[in-house]
């Protein structure tokens, strides 16, 4: 055996020993499960309804959620579109972690809780949301149809909940608009996984083969713009094989903007200034969703006026 090769083989046990030492060190640095239980009393003292709770690094979030419960992680915050609307955030830091999405927030307090650091952060310029379309996807505010009479969708309070399973479509709730195209092409508020597998709450609006799907909101108070995000279930979008989806936004019959979403773009923001419509006390807002080929277009969008 050549000397160099012999030395290479001799180093294998050493490399293994180093890897084992690093693994044991990392294991010892991570908080033990019981340590997380001390977080709830500390959070209770500083938490206010509406606060955003973020765990850094992200791998520790399931442990923190187990200890704290659902009160500190409501769906609207957990599957948020962005952080702009939150006035305050509580960052729970594990092993020195920081949340990059809170980089624009200002720290006002910090407290150590065992192996954790809890920081209170304030948003210097929170967005004021006037109307949230995802939250108002229900009768009294919304109706769903299409360009043809037979595509009108009926509201149901007791539909059969549906889940897509591993690699399938997102879950569909019992409260949703049922459409003639079949249960899969319903319109509902659901949660998709984006390109980082972060949860995003949005309106499921799969295009149809019979013209544009129209989601109409009536009596909407307006801000200066309509802002939002478009996306598709990442397991489908990442393949890059589907047709782009177009989302037209109309206010009182006037087109104010078009969002075109192509495969691979992920969770993508958009914003349309409302011009003469800005500040209206009541208006009709329509979202029209279409694609040249509707197959496997797992489109979902979030929108609000601010």
C-alpha atoms as a PDB file:
ATOM      1  CA  UNK A   1       0.000   0.000   0.000  1.00  0.00           C
ATOM      2  CA  UNK A   2       1.280   3.450  -0.917  1.00  0.00           C
ATOM      3  CA  UNK A   3       2.240   5.696   2.059  1.00  0.00           C
ATOM      4  CA  UNK A   4      -0.255   8.401   1.126  1.00  0.00           C
ATOM      5  CA  UNK A   5      -3.115   5.891   0.873  1.00  0.00           C
ATOM      6  CA  UNK A   6      -2.144   4.371   4.221  1.00  0.00           C
ATOM      7  CA  UNK A   7      -2.270   7.814   5.842  1.00  0.00           C
ATOM      8  CA  UNK A   8      -5.730   8.408   4.333  1.00  0.00           C
ATOM      9  CA  UNK A   9      -7.065   5.212   5.877  1.00  0.00           C
ATOM     10  CA  UNK A  10      -5.462   6.099   9.209  1.00  0.00           C
ATOM     11  CA  UNK A  11      -7.362   9.421   9.254  1.00  0.00           C
ATOM     12  CA  UNK A  12     -10.808   7.783   8.911  1.00  0.00           C
ATOM     13  CA  UNK A  13     -11.180   6.911  12.648  1.00  0.00           C
ATOM     14  CA  UNK A  14      -9.979  10.411  13.569  1.00  0.00           C
ATOM     15  CA  UNK A  15     -12.590  12.076  11.335  1.00  0.00           C
ATOM     16  CA  UNK A  16     -15.261   9.845  12.846  1.00  0.00           C
ATOM     17  CA  UNK A  17     -14.211  10.793  16.366  1.00  0.00           C
ATOM     18  CA  UNK A  18     -14.351  14.503  15.518  1.00  0.00           C
ATOM     19  CA  UNK A  19     -17.837  14.146  14.008  1.00  0.00           C
ATOM     20  CA  UNK A  20     -19.037  12.287  17.093  1.00  0.00           C
ATOM     21  CA  UNK A  21     -17.626  14.981  19.394  1.00  0.00           C
ATOM     22  CA  UNK A  22     -19.337  17.720  17.381  1.00  0.00           C
ATOM     23  CA  UNK A  23     -22.636  15.835  17.438  1.00  0.00           C
ATOM     24  CA  UNK A  24     -22.482  15.352  21.200  1.00  0.00           C
ATOM     25  CA  UNK A  25     -21.553  19.006  21.662  1.00  0.00           C
ATOM     26  CA  UNK A  26     -24.526  20.161  19.577  1.00  0.00           C
ATOM     27  CA  UNK A  27     -26.803  17.814  21.485  1.00  0.00           C
ATOM     28  CA  UNK A  28     -25.625  19.225  24.767  1.00  0.00           C
ATOM     29  CA  UNK A  29     -26.120  22.832  23.556  1.00  0.00           C
ATOM     30  CA  UNK A  30     -29.760  22.295  22.577  1.00  0.00           C
ATOM     31  CA  UNK A  31     -32.276  22.891  25.408  1.00  0.00           C
ATOM     32  CA  UNK A  32     -33.808  19.802  26.944  1.00  0.00           C
ATOM     33  CA  UNK A  33     -37.584  19.331  26.439  1.00  0.00           C
ATOM     34  CA  UNK A  34     -38.396  20.275  30.048  1.00  0.00           C
ATOM     35  CA  UNK A  35     -36.633  23.639  29.635  1.00  0.00           C
ATOM     36  CA  UNK A  36     -39.263  24.826  27.157  1.00  0.00           C
ATOM     37  CA  UNK A  37     -41.999  24.602  29.798  1.00  0.00           C
ATOM     38  CA  UNK A  38     -40.570  27.643  31.582  1.00  0.00           C
ATOM     39  CA  UNK A  39     -41.357  29.835  28.571  1.00  0.00           C
ATOM     40  CA  UNK A  40     -45.132  30.042  29.063  1.00  0.00           C
ATOM     41  CA  UNK A  41     -45.119  32.002  32.356  1.00  0.00           C
ATOM     42  CA  UNK A  42     -42.542  34.392  30.913  1.00  0.00           C
ATOM     43  CA  UNK A  43     -44.500  34.915  27.676  1.00  0.00           C
ATOM     44  CA  UNK A  44     -47.731  35.421  29.601  1.00  0.00           C
ATOM     45  CA  UNK A  45     -46.246  38.492  31.282  1.00  0.00           C
ATOM     46  CA  UNK A  46     -45.361  40.314  28.049  1.00  0.00           C
ATOM     47  CA  UNK A  47     -47.733  38.907  25.419  1.00  0.00           C
ATOM     48  CA  UNK A  48     -50.530  41.101  24.059  1.00  0.00           C
ATOM     49  CA  UNK A  49     -53.327  39.933  21.792  1.00  0.00           C
ATOM     50  CA  UNK A  50     -52.188  40.553  18.221  1.00  0.00           C
ATOM     51  CA  UNK A  51     -48.475  40.094  18.934  1.00  0.00           C
ATOM     52  CA  UNK A  52     -46.447  38.018  16.501  1.00  0.00           C
ATOM     53  CA  UNK A  53     -44.412  35.263  18.198  1.00  0.00           C
ATOM     54  CA  UNK A  54     -41.380  34.094  16.203  1.00  0.00           C
ATOM     55  CA  UNK A  55     -38.907  31.373  17.157  1.00  0.00           C
ATOM     56  CA  UNK A  56     -35.299  31.516  15.979  1.00  0.00           C
ATOM     57  CA  UNK A  57     -33.894  29.298  14.664  1.00  0.00           C
ATOM     58  CA  UNK A  58     -36.944  27.804  12.990  1.00  0.00           C
ATOM     59  CA  UNK A  59     -36.132  24.196  13.928  1.00  0.00           C
ATOM     60  CA  UNK A  60     -37.016  24.993  17.536  1.00  0.00           C
ATOM     61  CA  UNK A  61     -40.526  26.248  16.732  1.00  0.00           C
ATOM     62  CA  UNK A  62     -42.313  22.877  17.197  1.00  0.00           C
ATOM     63  CA  UNK A  63     -40.802  22.548  20.682  1.00  0.00           C
ATOM     64  CA  UNK A  64     -41.905  26.075  21.624  1.00  0.00           C
ATOM     65  CA  UNK A  65     -45.397  25.560  20.204  1.00  0.00           C
ATOM     66  CA  UNK A  66     -45.805  22.378  22.226  1.00  0.00           C
ATOM     67  CA  UNK A  67     -44.937  24.251  25.399  1.00  0.00           C
ATOM     68  CA  UNK A  68     -46.914  27.439  24.725  1.00  0.00           C
ATOM     69  CA  UNK A  69     -50.065  26.138  23.032  1.00  0.00           C
ATOM     70  CA  UNK A  70     -52.269  27.644  20.329  1.00  0.00           C
ATOM     71  CA  UNK A  71     -52.976  30.937  22.095  1.00  0.00           C
ATOM     72  CA  UNK A  72     -49.575  32.334  21.121  1.00  0.00           C
ATOM     73  CA  UNK A  73     -49.666  30.917  17.588  1.00  0.00           C
ATOM     74  CA  UNK A  74     -53.073  31.702  16.015  1.00  0.00           C
ATOM     75  CA  UNK A  75     -53.422  30.635  12.406  1.00  0.00           C
ATOM     76  CA  UNK A  76     -53.477  34.204  11.090  1.00  0.00           C
ATOM     77  CA  UNK A  77     -50.031  34.788  12.616  1.00  0.00           C
ATOM     78  CA  UNK A  78     -48.547  31.355  12.037  1.00  0.00           C
ATOM     79  CA  UNK A  79     -49.516  31.332   8.327  1.00  0.00           C
ATOM     80  CA  UNK A  80     -49.085  35.086   7.825  1.00  0.00           C
ATOM     81  CA  UNK A  81     -48.471  36.604   4.418  1.00  0.00           C
ATOM     82  CA  UNK A  82     -45.767  38.912   5.827  1.00  0.00           C
ATOM     83  CA  UNK A  83     -44.796  40.739   9.010  1.00  0.00           C
ATOM     84  CA  UNK A  84     -45.724  44.285   7.951  1.00  0.00           C
ATOM     85  CA  UNK A  85     -49.127  44.427   9.662  1.00  0.00           C
ATOM     86  CA  UNK A  86     -47.884  43.435  13.126  1.00  0.00           C
ATOM     87  CA  UNK A  87     -47.206  46.263  15.576  1.00  0.00           C
ATOM     88  CA  UNK A  88     -45.177  44.108  17.971  1.00  0.00           C
ATOM     89  CA  UNK A  89     -43.263  40.847  17.864  1.00  0.00           C
ATOM     90  CA  UNK A  90     -41.843  38.562  20.523  1.00  0.00           C
ATOM     91  CA  UNK A  91     -38.710  36.776  19.379  1.00  0.00           C
ATOM     92  CA  UNK A  92     -37.806  33.603  21.263  1.00  0.00           C
ATOM     93  CA  UNK A  93     -34.122  32.991  20.647  1.00  0.00           C
ATOM     94  CA  UNK A  94     -32.584  29.543  21.051  1.00  0.00           C
ATOM     95  CA  UNK A  95     -28.792  29.112  20.980  1.00  0.00           C
ATOM     96  CA  UNK A  96     -28.305  32.712  19.857  1.00  0.00           C
ATOM     97  CA  UNK A  97     -30.707  32.514  16.915  1.00  0.00           C
ATOM     98  CA  UNK A  98     -32.192  35.640  15.307  1.00  0.00           C
ATOM     99  CA  UNK A  99     -35.193  35.904  12.983  1.00  0.00           C
ATOM    100  CA  UNK A 100     -34.160  37.688   9.757  1.00  0.00           C
ATOM    101  CA  UNK A 101     -37.790  38.589   8.969  1.00  0.00           C
ATOM    102  CA  UNK A 102     -37.791  40.849  12.052  1.00  0.00           C
ATOM    103  CA  UNK A 103     -34.663  42.767  11.058  1.00  0.00           C
ATOM    104  CA  UNK A 104     -36.673  45.966  10.523  1.00  0.00           C
ATOM    105  CA  UNK A 105     -38.257  45.857  13.989  1.00  0.00           C
ATOM    106  CA  UNK A 106     -36.863  47.882  16.913  1.00  0.00           C
ATOM    107  CA  UNK A 107     -35.905  46.050  20.105  1.00  0.00           C
ATOM    108  CA  UNK A 108     -37.407  47.569  23.257  1.00  0.00           C
ATOM    109  CA  UNK A 109     -36.823  44.827  25.851  1.00  0.00           C
ATOM    110  CA  UNK A 110     -34.897  41.615  26.426  1.00  0.00           C
ATOM    111  CA  UNK A 111     -35.155  38.913  29.060  1.00  0.00           C
ATOM    112  CA  UNK A 112     -33.315  35.653  29.663  1.00  0.00           C
ATOM    113  CA  UNK A 113     -35.455  32.621  30.490  1.00  0.00           C
ATOM    114  CA  UNK A 114     -33.147  29.704  31.226  1.00  0.00           C
ATOM    115  CA  UNK A 115     -31.388  28.844  27.944  1.00  0.00           C
ATOM    116  CA  UNK A 116     -33.667  31.187  25.962  1.00  0.00           C
ATOM    117  CA  UNK A 117     -33.735  34.912  25.278  1.00  0.00           C
ATOM    118  CA  UNK A 118     -37.124  36.594  24.832  1.00  0.00           C
ATOM    119  CA  UNK A 119     -36.981  39.909  22.997  1.00  0.00           C
ATOM    120  CA  UNK A 120     -39.826  42.410  22.640  1.00  0.00           C
ATOM    121  CA  UNK A 121     -39.684  44.176  19.291  1.00  0.00           C
ATOM    122  CA  UNK A 122     -41.769  47.011  17.835  1.00  0.00           C
ATOM    123  CA  UNK A 123     -42.561  47.699  14.198  1.00  0.00           C
ATOM    124  CA  UNK A 124     -41.625  51.362  13.500  1.00  0.00           C
ATOM    125  CA  UNK A 125     -44.159  51.628  10.658  1.00  0.00           C
ATOM    126  CA  UNK A 126     -46.856  48.913  10.770  1.00  0.00           C
ATOM    127  CA  UNK A 127     -49.226  48.642   7.830  1.00  0.00           C
ATOM    128  CA  UNK A 128     -52.827  49.568   8.659  1.00  0.00           C
ATOM    129  CA  UNK A 129     -55.065  46.954   7.086  1.00  0.00           C
ATOM    130  CA  UNK A 130     -58.526  48.315   6.263  1.00  0.00           C
ATOM    131  CA  UNK A 131     -60.042  45.102   4.864  1.00  0.00           C
ATOM    132  CA  UNK A 132     -58.695  41.543   4.714  1.00  0.00           C
ATOM    133  CA  UNK A 133     -60.148  39.545   1.820  1.00  0.00           C
ATOM    134  CA  UNK A 134     -59.036  36.150   3.160  1.00  0.00           C
ATOM    135  CA  UNK A 135     -60.774  36.756   6.484  1.00  0.00           C
ATOM    136  CA  UNK A 136     -63.973  37.925   4.734  1.00  0.00           C
ATOM    137  CA  UNK A 137     -64.370  35.028   2.316  1.00  0.00           C
ATOM    138  CA  UNK A 138     -67.945  34.243   3.401  1.00  0.00           C
ATOM    139  CA  UNK A 139     -71.542  35.133   2.499  1.00  0.00           C
ATOM    140  CA  UNK A 140     -72.470  38.709   3.266  1.00  0.00           C
ATOM    141  CA  UNK A 141     -69.163  39.854   1.850  1.00  0.00           C
ATOM    142  CA  UNK A 142     -68.244  37.451  -0.933  1.00  0.00           C
ATOM    143  CA  UNK A 143     -69.783  35.552  -3.824  1.00  0.00           C
ATOM    144  CA  UNK A 144     -68.078  33.263  -6.321  1.00  0.00           C
ATOM    145  CA  UNK A 145     -68.891  32.540  -9.937  1.00  0.00           C
ATOM    146  CA  UNK A 146     -67.526  32.767 -13.433  1.00  0.00           C
ATOM    147  CA  UNK A 147     -68.082  34.227 -16.852  1.00  0.00           C
ATOM    148  CA  UNK A 148     -70.859  31.688 -17.473  1.00  0.00           C
ATOM    149  CA  UNK A 149     -74.048  31.245 -15.348  1.00  0.00           C
ATOM    150  CA  UNK A 150     -73.420  27.532 -14.778  1.00  0.00           C
ATOM    151  CA  UNK A 151     -70.121  28.282 -13.028  1.00  0.00           C
ATOM    152  CA  UNK A 152     -71.733  29.952 -10.000  1.00  0.00           C
ATOM    153  CA  UNK A 153     -70.611  28.495  -6.693  1.00  0.00           C
ATOM    154  CA  UNK A 154     -72.794  27.912  -3.631  1.00  0.00           C
ATOM    155  CA  UNK A 155     -71.661  28.504  -0.069  1.00  0.00           C
ATOM    156  CA  UNK A 156     -71.600  25.498   2.229  1.00  0.00           C
ATOM    157  CA  UNK A 157     -71.099  25.384   5.995  1.00  0.00           C
ATOM    158  CA  UNK A 158     -70.824  21.595   6.195  1.00  0.00           C
ATOM    159  CA  UNK A 159     -68.842  20.295   3.263  1.00  0.00           C
ATOM    160  CA  UNK A 160     -66.689  17.248   3.776  1.00  0.00           C
ATOM    161  CA  UNK A 161     -63.203  18.425   4.799  1.00  0.00           C
ATOM    162  CA  UNK A 162     -60.584  17.237   2.334  1.00  0.00           C
ATOM    163  CA  UNK A 163     -56.851  16.685   2.634  1.00  0.00           C
ATOM    164  CA  UNK A 164     -54.493  15.912  -0.202  1.00  0.00           C
ATOM    165  CA  UNK A 165     -52.098  13.672   1.664  1.00  0.00           C
ATOM    166  CA  UNK A 166     -48.360  13.633   1.047  1.00  0.00           C
ATOM    167  CA  UNK A 167     -47.667  15.597  -2.145  1.00  0.00           C
ATOM    168  CA  UNK A 168     -51.373  16.249  -2.737  1.00  0.00           C
ATOM    169  CA  UNK A 169     -53.494  19.394  -2.679  1.00  0.00           C
ATOM    170  CA  UNK A 170     -53.796  21.566   0.471  1.00  0.00           C
ATOM    171  CA  UNK A 171     -56.547  20.887   2.990  1.00  0.00           C
ATOM    172  CA  UNK A 172     -60.031  22.216   2.233  1.00  0.00           C
ATOM    173  CA  UNK A 173     -62.238  23.283   5.180  1.00  0.00           C
ATOM    174  CA  UNK A 174     -65.911  22.471   5.735  1.00  0.00           C
ATOM    175  CA  UNK A 175     -66.843  26.134   5.170  1.00  0.00           C
ATOM    176  CA  UNK A 176     -66.236  26.851   1.502  1.00  0.00           C
ATOM    177  CA  UNK A 177     -67.767  27.780  -1.846  1.00  0.00           C
ATOM    178  CA  UNK A 178     -68.662  24.572  -3.712  1.00  0.00           C
ATOM    179  CA  UNK A 179     -68.440  24.905  -7.490  1.00  0.00           C
ATOM    180  CA  UNK A 180     -69.977  22.855 -10.350  1.00  0.00           C
ATOM    181  CA  UNK A 181     -66.477  21.936 -11.561  1.00  0.00           C
ATOM    182  CA  UNK A 182     -66.125  19.514  -8.629  1.00  0.00           C
ATOM    183  CA  UNK A 183     -64.936  19.608  -4.989  1.00  0.00           C
ATOM    184  CA  UNK A 184     -61.285  19.979  -5.990  1.00  0.00           C
ATOM    185  CA  UNK A 185     -62.047  23.300  -7.719  1.00  0.00           C
ATOM    186  CA  UNK A 186     -63.789  24.860  -4.729  1.00  0.00           C
ATOM    187  CA  UNK A 187     -62.962  28.350  -3.429  1.00  0.00           C
ATOM    188  CA  UNK A 188     -61.896  28.446   0.212  1.00  0.00           C
ATOM    189  CA  UNK A 189     -59.482  29.899   2.739  1.00  0.00           C
ATOM    190  CA  UNK A 190     -56.668  27.401   3.160  1.00  0.00           C
ATOM    191  CA  UNK A 191     -52.926  27.154   3.817  1.00  0.00           C
ATOM    192  CA  UNK A 192     -50.262  26.303   1.252  1.00  0.00           C
ATOM    193  CA  UNK A 193     -46.533  25.654   1.642  1.00  0.00           C
ATOM    194  CA  UNK A 194     -44.316  28.192  -0.129  1.00  0.00           C
ATOM    195  CA  UNK A 195     -40.836  27.714  -1.616  1.00  0.00           C
ATOM    196  CA  UNK A 196     -39.307  27.591   1.894  1.00  0.00           C
ATOM    197  CA  UNK A 197     -42.134  25.342   3.094  1.00  0.00           C
ATOM    198  CA  UNK A 198     -43.446  28.195   5.224  1.00  0.00           C
ATOM    199  CA  UNK A 199     -47.240  28.122   5.757  1.00  0.00           C
ATOM    200  CA  UNK A 200     -49.194  30.825   3.923  1.00  0.00           C
ATOM    201  CA  UNK A 201     -52.916  31.424   4.462  1.00  0.00           C
ATOM    202  CA  UNK A 202     -54.670  32.380   1.255  1.00  0.00           C
ATOM    203  CA  UNK A 203     -57.729  31.972  -0.969  1.00  0.00           C
ATOM    204  CA  UNK A 204     -57.633  28.745  -2.969  1.00  0.00           C
ATOM    205  CA  UNK A 205     -58.754  29.727  -6.481  1.00  0.00           C
ATOM    206  CA  UNK A 206     -57.817  27.014  -8.962  1.00  0.00           C
ATOM    207  CA  UNK A 207     -58.509  28.197 -12.546  1.00  0.00           C
ATOM    208  CA  UNK A 208     -61.270  26.481 -14.479  1.00  0.00           C
ATOM    209  CA  UNK A 209     -61.558  25.345 -18.091  1.00  0.00           C
ATOM    210  CA  UNK A 210     -64.674  27.500 -18.587  1.00  0.00           C
ATOM    211  CA  UNK A 211     -63.448  31.074 -18.447  1.00  0.00           C
ATOM    212  CA  UNK A 212     -62.216  33.088 -15.490  1.00  0.00           C
ATOM    213  CA  UNK A 213     -63.133  32.247 -11.919  1.00  0.00           C
ATOM    214  CA  UNK A 214     -64.578  35.416 -10.344  1.00  0.00           C
ATOM    215  CA  UNK A 215     -64.485  36.116  -6.615  1.00  0.00           C
ATOM    216  CA  UNK A 216     -66.537  39.222  -5.856  1.00  0.00           C
ATOM    217  CA  UNK A 217     -66.541  41.196  -2.595  1.00  0.00           C
ATOM    218  CA  UNK A 218     -69.243  43.799  -1.937  1.00  0.00           C
ATOM    219  CA  UNK A 219     -69.364  46.728   0.459  1.00  0.00           C
ATOM    220  CA  UNK A 220     -65.569  46.846   0.797  1.00  0.00           C
ATOM    221  CA  UNK A 221     -63.947  49.883   2.503  1.00  0.00           C
ATOM    222  CA  UNK A 222     -60.761  50.824   0.696  1.00  0.00           C
ATOM    223  CA  UNK A 223     -57.355  52.129   1.647  1.00  0.00           C
ATOM    224  CA  UNK A 224     -54.803  53.594  -0.760  1.00  0.00           C
ATOM    225  CA  UNK A 225     -53.908  50.282  -2.442  1.00  0.00           C
ATOM    226  CA  UNK A 226     -54.722  46.628  -2.728  1.00  0.00           C
ATOM    227  CA  UNK A 227     -51.695  44.585  -1.697  1.00  0.00           C
ATOM    228  CA  UNK A 228     -51.179  40.862  -1.522  1.00  0.00           C
ATOM    229  CA  UNK A 229     -49.251  37.781  -2.523  1.00  0.00           C
ATOM    230  CA  UNK A 230     -49.724  35.103  -5.135  1.00  0.00           C
ATOM    231  CA  UNK A 231     -48.448  31.565  -4.957  1.00  0.00           C
ATOM    232  CA  UNK A 232     -48.988  27.932  -5.767  1.00  0.00           C
ATOM    233  CA  UNK A 233     -48.504  24.767  -3.804  1.00  0.00           C
ATOM    234  CA  UNK A 234     -44.720  24.392  -4.085  1.00  0.00           C
ATOM    235  CA  UNK A 235     -44.762  20.650  -4.786  1.00  0.00           C
ATOM    236  CA  UNK A 236     -46.521  21.522  -8.071  1.00  0.00           C
ATOM    237  CA  UNK A 237     -44.943  24.897  -8.831  1.00  0.00           C
ATOM    238  CA  UNK A 238     -41.349  23.721  -8.512  1.00  0.00           C
ATOM    239  CA  UNK A 239     -41.779  21.384 -11.507  1.00  0.00           C
ATOM    240  CA  UNK A 240     -42.014  24.433 -13.818  1.00  0.00           C
ATOM    241  CA  UNK A 241     -44.308  22.640 -16.234  1.00  0.00           C
ATOM    242  CA  UNK A 242     -47.573  24.557 -15.945  1.00  0.00           C
ATOM    243  CA  UNK A 243     -49.141  27.560 -17.628  1.00  0.00           C
ATOM    244  CA  UNK A 244     -48.908  30.969 -15.911  1.00  0.00           C
ATOM    245  CA  UNK A 245     -51.916  32.078 -13.880  1.00  0.00           C
ATOM    246  CA  UNK A 246     -53.347  35.582 -14.195  1.00  0.00           C
ATOM    247  CA  UNK A 247     -55.095  37.400 -11.376  1.00  0.00           C
ATOM    248  CA  UNK A 248     -57.042  40.492 -12.487  1.00  0.00           C
ATOM    249  CA  UNK A 249     -58.167  42.942  -9.815  1.00  0.00           C
ATOM    250  CA  UNK A 250     -61.139  45.206 -10.547  1.00  0.00           C
ATOM    251  CA  UNK A 251     -62.676  47.919  -8.376  1.00  0.00           C
ATOM    252  CA  UNK A 252     -66.230  48.982  -9.247  1.00  0.00           C
ATOM    253  CA  UNK A 253     -65.726  47.475 -12.705  1.00  0.00           C
ATOM    254  CA  UNK A 254     -62.404  49.195 -13.410  1.00  0.00           C
ATOM    255  CA  UNK A 255     -59.225  47.154 -13.870  1.00  0.00           C
ATOM    256  CA  UNK A 256     -56.633  48.348 -11.337  1.00  0.00           C
ATOM    257  CA  UNK A 257     -53.971  45.697 -11.861  1.00  0.00           C
ATOM    258  CA  UNK A 258     -52.963  42.278 -13.171  1.00  0.00           C
ATOM    259  CA  UNK A 259     -50.719  39.848 -11.287  1.00  0.00           C
ATOM    260  CA  UNK A 260     -49.149  37.166 -13.496  1.00  0.00           C
ATOM    261  CA  UNK A 261     -47.745  34.196 -11.603  1.00  0.00           C
ATOM    262  CA  UNK A 262     -45.345  31.804 -13.329  1.00  0.00           C
ATOM    263  CA  UNK A 263     -44.025  28.516 -11.986  1.00  0.00           C
ATOM    264  CA  UNK A 264     -40.942  28.886  -9.807  1.00  0.00           C
ATOM    265  CA  UNK A 265     -41.685  32.411  -8.558  1.00  0.00           C
ATOM    266  CA  UNK A 266     -42.867  31.192  -5.172  1.00  0.00           C
ATOM    267  CA  UNK A 267     -44.761  33.358  -2.689  1.00  0.00           C
ATOM    268  CA  UNK A 268     -44.647  36.685  -4.523  1.00  0.00           C
ATOM    269  CA  UNK A 269     -45.903  40.128  -3.415  1.00  0.00           C
ATOM    270  CA  UNK A 270     -47.972  42.503  -5.531  1.00  0.00           C
ATOM    271  CA  UNK A 271     -49.542  45.918  -4.939  1.00  0.00           C
ATOM    272  CA  UNK A 272     -51.905  48.059  -7.006  1.00  0.00           C
ATOM    273  CA  UNK A 273     -52.511  51.738  -6.284  1.00  0.00           C
ATOM    274  CA  UNK A 274     -56.231  52.599  -6.293  1.00  0.00           C
ATOM    275  CA  UNK A 275     -56.071  56.147  -7.619  1.00  0.00           C
ATOM    276  CA  UNK A 276     -59.525  57.757  -7.607  1.00  0.00           C
ATOM    277  CA  UNK A 277     -60.947  54.744  -5.748  1.00  0.00           C
ATOM    278  CA  UNK A 278     -58.650  55.243  -2.737  1.00  0.00           C
ATOM    279  CA  UNK A 279     -60.437  55.827   0.537  1.00  0.00           C
ATOM    280  CA  UNK A 280     -63.902  54.842  -0.670  1.00  0.00           C
ATOM    281  CA  UNK A 281     -66.210  53.847   2.181  1.00  0.00           C
ATOM    282  CA  UNK A 282     -67.813  51.080   0.134  1.00  0.00           C
ATOM    283  CA  UNK A 283     -66.962  49.448  -3.172  1.00  0.00           C
ATOM    284  CA  UNK A 284     -67.118  46.206  -5.156  1.00  0.00           C
ATOM    285  CA  UNK A 285     -63.802  44.412  -5.595  1.00  0.00           C
ATOM    286  CA  UNK A 286     -63.437  41.498  -8.000  1.00  0.00           C
ATOM    287  CA  UNK A 287     -60.600  38.995  -8.384  1.00  0.00           C
ATOM    288  CA  UNK A 288     -60.604  37.114 -11.707  1.00  0.00           C
ATOM    289  CA  UNK A 289     -58.389  34.024 -11.943  1.00  0.00           C
ATOM    290  CA  UNK A 290     -57.567  32.376 -15.287  1.00  0.00           C
ATOM    291  CA  UNK A 291     -54.938  30.307 -17.111  1.00  0.00           C
ATOM    292  CA  UNK A 292     -54.516  29.147 -20.701  1.00  0.00           C
ATOM    293  CA  UNK A 293     -54.290  25.583 -19.358  1.00  0.00           C
ATOM    294  CA  UNK A 294     -56.046  25.010 -16.044  1.00  0.00           C
ATOM    295  CA  UNK A 295     -54.465  21.593 -15.349  1.00  0.00           C
ATOM    296  CA  UNK A 296     -52.650  21.382 -11.991  1.00  0.00           C
ATOM    297  CA  UNK A 297     -52.778  25.118 -11.354  1.00  0.00           C
ATOM    298  CA  UNK A 298     -52.832  25.051  -7.546  1.00  0.00           C
ATOM    299  CA  UNK A 299     -53.199  28.822  -7.349  1.00  0.00           C
ATOM    300  CA  UNK A 300     -53.759  30.621  -4.058  1.00  0.00           C
ATOM    301  CA  UNK A 301     -53.674  34.345  -3.308  1.00  0.00           C
ATOM    302  CA  UNK A 302     -53.801  36.639  -0.315  1.00  0.00           C
ATOM    303  CA  UNK A 303     -54.987  40.222  -0.537  1.00  0.00           C
ATOM    304  CA  UNK A 304     -55.977  43.147   1.646  1.00  0.00           C
ATOM    305  CA  UNK A 305     -56.481  46.865   1.253  1.00  0.00           C
ATOM    306  CA  UNK A 306     -54.272  49.158   3.292  1.00  0.00           C
END
